[in-house]
Every structure is written in structure tokens, then in C-alpha cells.
């Protein structure tokens, strides 16, 4: 289906009228001839000069020609293109800026080829794991082929907006919000990868309309309200677990370093039972949530 659409598409080709500057000189010359004919013609008739009749009809010839030249001017601004047609047939696109001239019976449709910046509506979709999320994107696009934009789609701007929503929904389903399988990108942590995927997918969708996508970025990303509270508790629990793991690793290293220092300096001789007791006490102090309360021991370890 895509190949058939692309084969039947209209491709832009450069064409345009002549320079408006040269035709402006022609217009001024016609006006000057008409004025001179209107002034000199009656005088020549009164004097009976040969060719007076021809001079008299010059204004009647030059004025219509001047009007024809005048109404055939058009201007092309920077970052603007003019699509030219003749009786329904596409003739080409004029992108040369400045004053241009083409016979008035040629149809002229102006197109802006400036860069456009669009922020999509916030969509509610399911990610790869089926979790409902809210997502929105910012898209930078422009018209690259004016012929396709004018003839291959009904309304290219509306077409692009619909395709942005479609591509964003499709890409969101390909990734998990977070906590994906090992090595797999996620929507939250790999925004650049997701944006590039969105750009490529959207570019393929809007190519039929002659539109080029320059940039695509995620603008909004969040869990849907109905699961946001549960996911927040999950993130908090994961943060607590990660912190606890770090504390335990650090505490084990500190205990190991303490036992090694005591042994090397000969501060005290510890047998296995005393080492076990010391390790237990240090781990309780280092890993506990509350501050340790000192206990004064007046006896001995063995009774």
C-alpha cells in the first residue's frame, strides 16, 4: 500500500516565471509609450504628420499590455514557495525570492516552508508492560516537498498532527516506563533513544505529505493518576532497599577494617567468640535506624 502511494505521488520540480525586475522595466516602458502617444498623437494629427494614426492608437495598445504585465507580478518571500499550476496541471514550484512575473492565467499557491514547532496533546497510553501512562512530545517539522503537501494529502497540517499522535502512541507501547529487562531502554531513562525512534517512525509516516521531521523529544512523561500513588510507593521502597544495601556494604567494610587494624597494632587479642560479638555489635550500630545507646559492662565476656 505504501509503495503504491509513493508511486502515485507528485514530486516537486523547480520552475518559475521571469525576473520581476526586467518585467518592471517593460511595464515602465509601456506606460511611457502610452503617455507619449497620448500627448504627441493629437499634435501630429493637427499638423497632418504621416503616421499620426499609428501614434494615436499606441495608448490603446500599451495600456492593456501594461495592465496585463501589472497583474502578472507576484512576490516570493524568504522561506516561502509558490506552487504553479496551469488549468489543473502542476507545472512546478518557484522558490526564488523576490519580485517574480508569470502570466496571470497560471495558478499560484503560496506555501510556507518555515520550520514549525508543535507540542502534542498529553495522551494516555499503555507502556510495554501494560501500565497506563501519560505522555506528550514536541515535534519540529517543515514542508520539504510542496507538490506532495498540496496534491497528495487533503490538509497536510492536520495530517501531520494526526500522525504525531499515532506515532507517539505506537512508540510508547514499545518501551517500558522504567525497570525494563537488562539492556533494554526505558521511556524515563533513555529519552534520547526514544526521541530518535519517534523521529524515525514519524518521518516515515509523514513522508507521503512531503514533510520532513527535524527533531522529536518527549515533553511530558508520568504514570496515569490511578496508579501514580502505587508506583510512588514502589519507587520509595526501591530507594530504601538500595540505601540499605549500600549501608550494609559500607558497614561490612568498616568492620573488616576495624578487626584488621586491631590485629595489626596488637591492641587486643580476640578469639573467634569475641570477634563474633564485636562484629555483631558494630553491625547493629552501623546498620540501625536509631542511635546506639552505650552499655557499661562491669563483668567479662564469659560470665
Protein backbone atom coordinates (compact mmCIF):
# COMPACT_ATOMS: atom_id res chain seq x y z
CA UNK A 1 0.00 0.00 0.00
CA UNK A 2 2.84 2.40 0.90
CA UNK A 3 4.73 1.65 -2.32
CA UNK A 4 1.60 2.34 -4.38
CA UNK A 5 1.05 5.67 -2.63
CA UNK A 6 4.65 6.71 -3.21
CA UNK A 7 4.47 5.73 -6.90
CA UNK A 8 1.37 7.86 -7.44
CA UNK A 9 2.74 10.86 -5.57
CA UNK A 10 3.61 14.18 -7.15
CA UNK A 11 7.22 15.27 -6.87
CA UNK A 12 8.32 18.87 -6.62
CA UNK A 13 10.18 20.30 -9.59
CA UNK A 14 11.74 23.75 -9.81
CA UNK A 15 10.11 26.19 -12.20
CA UNK A 16 9.06 29.80 -12.11
CA UNK A 17 8.49 32.97 -14.02
CA UNK A 18 10.98 35.53 -15.20
CA UNK A 19 12.65 38.11 -13.02
CA UNK A 20 10.25 40.79 -11.85
CA UNK A 21 12.91 43.48 -12.31
CA UNK A 22 13.11 43.06 -16.08
CA UNK A 23 9.33 42.98 -16.42
CA UNK A 24 9.10 46.11 -14.29
CA UNK A 25 11.22 47.89 -16.91
CA UNK A 26 8.86 46.62 -19.59
CA UNK A 27 5.91 47.98 -17.60
CA UNK A 28 7.52 51.41 -17.28
CA UNK A 29 8.33 51.45 -20.99
CA UNK A 30 4.72 50.64 -21.91
CA UNK A 31 3.44 53.39 -19.62
CA UNK A 32 5.90 55.88 -21.08
CA UNK A 33 4.94 54.96 -24.66
CA UNK A 34 1.22 55.27 -23.82
CA UNK A 35 1.77 58.72 -22.28
CA UNK A 36 3.88 59.93 -25.17
CA UNK A 37 1.35 58.60 -27.67
CA UNK A 38 -1.48 60.35 -25.86
CA UNK A 39 0.41 63.67 -25.93
CA UNK A 40 2.06 63.53 -29.33
CA UNK A 41 -0.80 61.87 -31.24
CA UNK A 42 -3.22 64.86 -31.30
CA UNK A 43 -0.39 67.25 -32.17
CA UNK A 44 0.67 65.11 -35.12
CA UNK A 45 -2.89 64.88 -36.40
CA UNK A 46 -3.26 68.67 -36.24
CA UNK A 47 -0.01 69.07 -38.18
CA UNK A 48 -1.02 66.39 -40.67
CA UNK A 49 2.16 64.45 -39.96
CA UNK A 50 2.46 60.98 -41.52
CA UNK A 51 1.96 58.10 -39.08
CA UNK A 52 -0.18 60.19 -36.76
CA UNK A 53 -2.86 57.48 -36.68
CA UNK A 54 -0.38 54.88 -35.51
CA UNK A 55 0.81 57.20 -32.75
CA UNK A 56 -2.79 57.80 -31.68
CA UNK A 57 -3.52 54.12 -31.21
CA UNK A 58 -0.40 53.48 -29.14
CA UNK A 59 -2.16 54.28 -25.79
CA UNK A 60 -4.98 51.88 -26.69
CA UNK A 61 -2.45 49.12 -27.25
CA UNK A 62 0.07 49.87 -24.48
CA UNK A 63 -2.42 50.44 -21.64
CA UNK A 64 -3.96 46.91 -21.89
CA UNK A 65 -0.46 45.43 -22.21
CA UNK A 66 0.67 47.40 -19.16
CA UNK A 67 -2.32 46.14 -17.18
CA UNK A 68 -1.51 42.59 -18.29
CA UNK A 69 2.07 42.97 -17.13
CA UNK A 70 0.98 44.62 -13.86
CA UNK A 71 -1.47 41.94 -12.74
CA UNK A 72 1.02 39.16 -13.53
CA UNK A 73 3.55 40.16 -10.86
CA UNK A 74 3.96 38.09 -7.68
CA UNK A 75 6.45 38.11 -4.82
CA UNK A 76 8.22 35.22 -3.09
CA UNK A 77 9.38 35.88 0.46
CA UNK A 78 12.26 34.09 2.24
CA UNK A 79 11.29 30.57 3.38
CA UNK A 80 8.28 30.67 1.10
CA UNK A 81 7.46 28.73 -2.05
CA UNK A 82 4.86 29.26 -4.76
CA UNK A 83 3.23 26.24 -6.39
CA UNK A 84 2.40 26.97 -10.03
CA UNK A 85 -0.41 25.23 -11.93
CA UNK A 86 -1.99 25.67 -15.34
CA UNK A 87 -5.60 24.59 -15.79
CA UNK A 88 -5.23 22.00 -13.02
CA UNK A 89 -1.84 20.66 -14.15
CA UNK A 90 1.14 21.02 -11.83
CA UNK A 91 3.94 22.93 -13.56
CA UNK A 92 6.45 23.37 -10.76
CA UNK A 93 7.41 25.27 -7.64
CA UNK A 94 9.14 28.64 -7.53
CA UNK A 95 11.43 29.08 -4.51
CA UNK A 96 13.45 32.03 -5.83
CA UNK A 97 12.82 35.00 -3.57
CA UNK A 98 12.00 38.50 -4.74
CA UNK A 99 9.69 40.00 -7.33
CA UNK A 100 8.67 37.46 -9.98
CA UNK A 101 6.49 37.57 -13.09
CA UNK A 102 4.30 34.95 -14.72
CA UNK A 103 1.17 35.36 -16.90
CA UNK A 104 -1.85 35.76 -14.69
CA UNK A 105 -3.64 32.68 -16.06
CA UNK A 106 -1.15 30.48 -14.22
CA UNK A 107 -2.45 29.48 -10.79
CA UNK A 108 -0.19 30.41 -7.88
CA UNK A 109 -0.49 28.86 -4.41
CA UNK A 110 1.79 30.12 -1.66
CA UNK A 111 3.37 27.66 0.78
CA UNK A 112 5.33 28.39 3.92
CA UNK A 113 8.43 26.21 4.21
CA UNK A 114 9.43 27.66 7.58
CA UNK A 115 10.24 25.34 10.47
CA UNK A 116 7.21 24.60 12.65
CA UNK A 117 7.22 23.67 16.31
CA UNK A 118 4.32 21.54 17.60
CA UNK A 119 3.67 20.19 21.09
CA UNK A 120 1.24 17.28 21.03
CA UNK A 121 -1.64 16.83 23.41
CA UNK A 122 -1.00 14.73 26.51
CA UNK A 123 -2.02 11.18 25.61
CA UNK A 124 -2.96 8.35 27.92
CA UNK A 125 -1.48 5.07 26.66
CA UNK A 126 -0.16 1.77 27.99
CA UNK A 127 3.57 1.14 28.05
CA UNK A 128 5.26 -2.14 27.14
CA UNK A 129 4.24 -3.68 30.48
CA UNK A 130 0.66 -2.52 30.24
CA UNK A 131 0.97 0.28 32.78
CA UNK A 132 -1.17 3.33 31.93
CA UNK A 133 1.00 6.41 31.44
CA UNK A 134 0.61 9.99 30.26
CA UNK A 135 2.94 11.15 27.50
CA UNK A 136 3.41 14.16 25.23
CA UNK A 137 6.07 15.13 22.68
CA UNK A 138 7.50 18.18 20.97
CA UNK A 139 7.98 17.87 17.20
CA UNK A 140 9.91 20.20 14.87
CA UNK A 141 8.89 19.79 11.23
CA UNK A 142 8.76 21.61 7.90
CA UNK A 143 7.43 21.19 4.38
CA UNK A 144 10.16 19.70 2.22
CA UNK A 145 8.16 18.88 -0.94
CA UNK A 146 5.43 21.41 -1.71
CA UNK A 147 3.95 19.31 -4.52
CA UNK A 148 3.28 16.37 -2.23
CA UNK A 149 1.95 18.65 0.52
CA UNK A 150 -0.53 20.25 -1.88
CA UNK A 151 -1.65 17.34 -4.07
CA UNK A 152 -1.08 14.08 -2.15
CA UNK A 153 -2.98 14.89 1.07
CA UNK A 154 -6.12 16.89 1.77
CA UNK A 155 -4.74 19.05 4.60
CA UNK A 156 -1.07 18.47 5.28
CA UNK A 157 -1.03 20.32 8.65
CA UNK A 158 -3.96 18.30 10.01
CA UNK A 159 -2.41 15.15 8.55
CA UNK A 160 0.85 15.79 10.41
CA UNK A 161 -0.94 16.41 13.72
CA UNK A 162 -2.82 13.11 13.44
CA UNK A 163 0.35 11.21 12.54
CA UNK A 164 2.17 12.73 15.52
CA UNK A 165 -0.44 11.27 17.86
CA UNK A 166 -0.38 7.91 16.08
CA UNK A 167 3.43 7.64 16.13
CA UNK A 168 3.63 8.72 19.78
CA UNK A 169 1.13 6.03 20.82
CA UNK A 170 2.99 3.38 18.85
CA UNK A 171 6.42 4.29 20.22
CA UNK A 172 5.13 4.45 23.82
CA UNK A 173 3.95 0.85 23.51
CA UNK A 174 7.43 -0.30 22.51
CA UNK A 175 9.14 0.71 25.79
CA UNK A 176 8.54 0.25 29.48
CA UNK A 177 8.18 3.35 31.65
CA UNK A 178 11.07 2.13 33.81
CA UNK A 179 12.61 -1.09 35.17
CA UNK A 180 12.86 -2.80 31.80
CA UNK A 181 14.75 -6.01 31.15
CA UNK A 182 18.52 -5.76 31.36
CA UNK A 183 19.93 -3.75 28.47
CA UNK A 184 16.53 -2.53 27.28
CA UNK A 185 15.92 1.26 27.07
CA UNK A 186 13.07 2.83 29.01
CA UNK A 187 10.91 5.88 28.48
CA UNK A 188 12.13 7.59 31.66
CA UNK A 189 15.87 6.92 31.47
CA UNK A 190 16.53 6.86 27.71
CA UNK A 191 14.76 9.93 26.37
CA UNK A 192 17.27 10.42 23.53
CA UNK A 193 16.81 6.87 22.23
CA UNK A 194 13.03 7.13 22.46
CA UNK A 195 13.08 10.55 20.76
CA UNK A 196 15.17 9.23 17.87
CA UNK A 197 12.82 6.26 17.47
CA UNK A 198 9.84 8.63 17.47
CA UNK A 199 11.54 10.85 14.87
CA UNK A 200 12.21 7.94 12.51
CA UNK A 201 8.73 6.48 12.87
CA UNK A 202 7.05 9.85 12.36
CA UNK A 203 9.27 10.73 9.38
CA UNK A 204 8.18 7.53 7.63
CA UNK A 205 4.51 8.31 8.29
CA UNK A 206 4.54 11.92 7.02
CA UNK A 207 6.82 11.37 4.03
CA UNK A 208 3.75 10.95 1.81
CA UNK A 209 2.81 14.56 2.63
CA UNK A 210 6.23 15.92 1.68
CA UNK A 211 7.03 16.75 5.30
CA UNK A 212 10.47 16.38 6.94
CA UNK A 213 10.87 15.88 10.69
CA UNK A 214 13.91 17.67 12.14
CA UNK A 215 13.56 16.91 15.88
CA UNK A 216 11.37 14.87 18.22
CA UNK A 217 11.58 14.97 22.02
CA UNK A 218 9.40 13.81 24.91
CA UNK A 219 7.91 16.78 26.74
CA UNK A 220 5.78 15.09 29.41
CA UNK A 221 6.00 11.64 30.95
CA UNK A 222 4.20 10.39 34.05
CA UNK A 223 2.18 7.49 35.37
CA UNK A 224 -1.57 7.83 34.99
CA UNK A 225 -3.28 9.20 38.14
CA UNK A 226 -4.94 5.88 39.00
CA UNK A 227 -1.59 4.14 39.53
CA UNK A 228 0.66 7.08 40.36
CA UNK A 229 0.29 6.55 44.13
CA UNK A 230 1.16 2.83 43.94
CA UNK A 231 4.13 3.48 41.69
CA UNK A 232 5.39 6.19 44.05
CA UNK A 233 5.33 3.72 46.95
CA UNK A 234 7.19 1.23 44.79
CA UNK A 235 9.87 3.77 43.94
CA UNK A 236 10.21 4.73 47.61
CA UNK A 237 10.58 1.08 48.60
CA UNK A 238 13.23 0.53 45.93
CA UNK A 239 15.08 3.61 47.14
CA UNK A 240 15.03 2.31 50.74
CA UNK A 241 16.29 -1.11 49.64
CA UNK A 242 19.09 0.44 47.59
CA UNK A 243 20.10 2.64 50.52
CA UNK A 244 20.09 -0.34 52.90
CA UNK A 245 22.27 -2.35 50.54
CA UNK A 246 24.77 0.49 50.39
CA UNK A 247 24.77 0.82 54.18
CA UNK A 248 25.37 -2.90 54.68
CA UNK A 249 28.24 -2.98 52.20
CA UNK A 250 29.82 0.02 53.89
CA UNK A 251 29.31 -1.42 57.38
CA UNK A 252 30.94 -4.74 56.45
CA UNK A 253 33.95 -2.89 55.08
CA UNK A 254 34.27 -0.79 58.23
CA UNK A 255 34.05 -3.85 60.50
CA UNK A 256 36.65 -5.67 58.41
CA UNK A 257 38.95 -2.67 58.55
CA UNK A 258 38.49 -2.36 62.35
CA UNK A 259 39.33 -6.01 63.02
CA UNK A 260 42.36 -5.83 60.75
CA UNK A 261 43.64 -2.64 62.45
CA UNK A 262 43.21 -4.11 65.96
CA UNK A 263 45.04 -7.24 64.94
CA UNK A 264 47.95 -5.43 63.23
CA UNK A 265 48.52 -2.99 66.11
CA UNK A 266 48.15 -5.63 68.81
CA UNK A 267 45.67 -3.56 70.76
CA UNK A 268 43.76 -6.60 71.93
CA UNK A 269 43.77 -10.30 71.25
CA UNK A 270 40.37 -11.52 70.10
CA UNK A 271 39.36 -15.12 69.80
CA UNK A 272 36.57 -16.24 67.45
CA UNK A 273 33.81 -15.70 70.00
CA UNK A 274 34.94 -12.18 70.83
CA UNK A 275 35.29 -11.34 67.14
CA UNK A 276 31.75 -12.59 66.52
CA UNK A 277 30.43 -10.47 69.38
CA UNK A 278 32.31 -7.40 68.17
CA UNK A 279 31.11 -7.88 64.60
CA UNK A 280 27.52 -8.23 65.79
CA UNK A 281 27.70 -5.08 67.90
CA UNK A 282 29.32 -2.99 65.18
CA UNK A 283 26.81 -4.09 62.56
CA UNK A 284 23.92 -3.24 64.86
CA UNK A 285 25.38 0.22 65.49
CA UNK A 286 26.23 0.92 61.84
CA UNK A 287 23.08 -0.50 60.25
CA UNK A 288 20.49 0.52 62.82
CA UNK A 289 17.93 3.25 62.20
CA UNK A 290 18.33 4.70 65.68
CA UNK A 291 21.36 5.96 67.54
CA UNK A 292 23.11 3.31 69.64
CA UNK A 293 22.77 3.55 73.44
CA UNK A 294 26.04 2.86 75.28
CA UNK A 295 26.01 -0.02 77.80
CA UNK A 296 28.56 -0.15 80.61
CA UNK A 297 29.74 -3.73 81.07
CA UNK A 298 31.33 -4.35 84.53
CA UNK A 299 31.76 -8.07 84.03
CA UNK A 300 33.57 -10.17 81.47
CA UNK A 301 32.50 -11.62 78.19
CA UNK A 302 32.44 -15.14 79.62
CA UNK A 303 30.42 -14.58 82.79
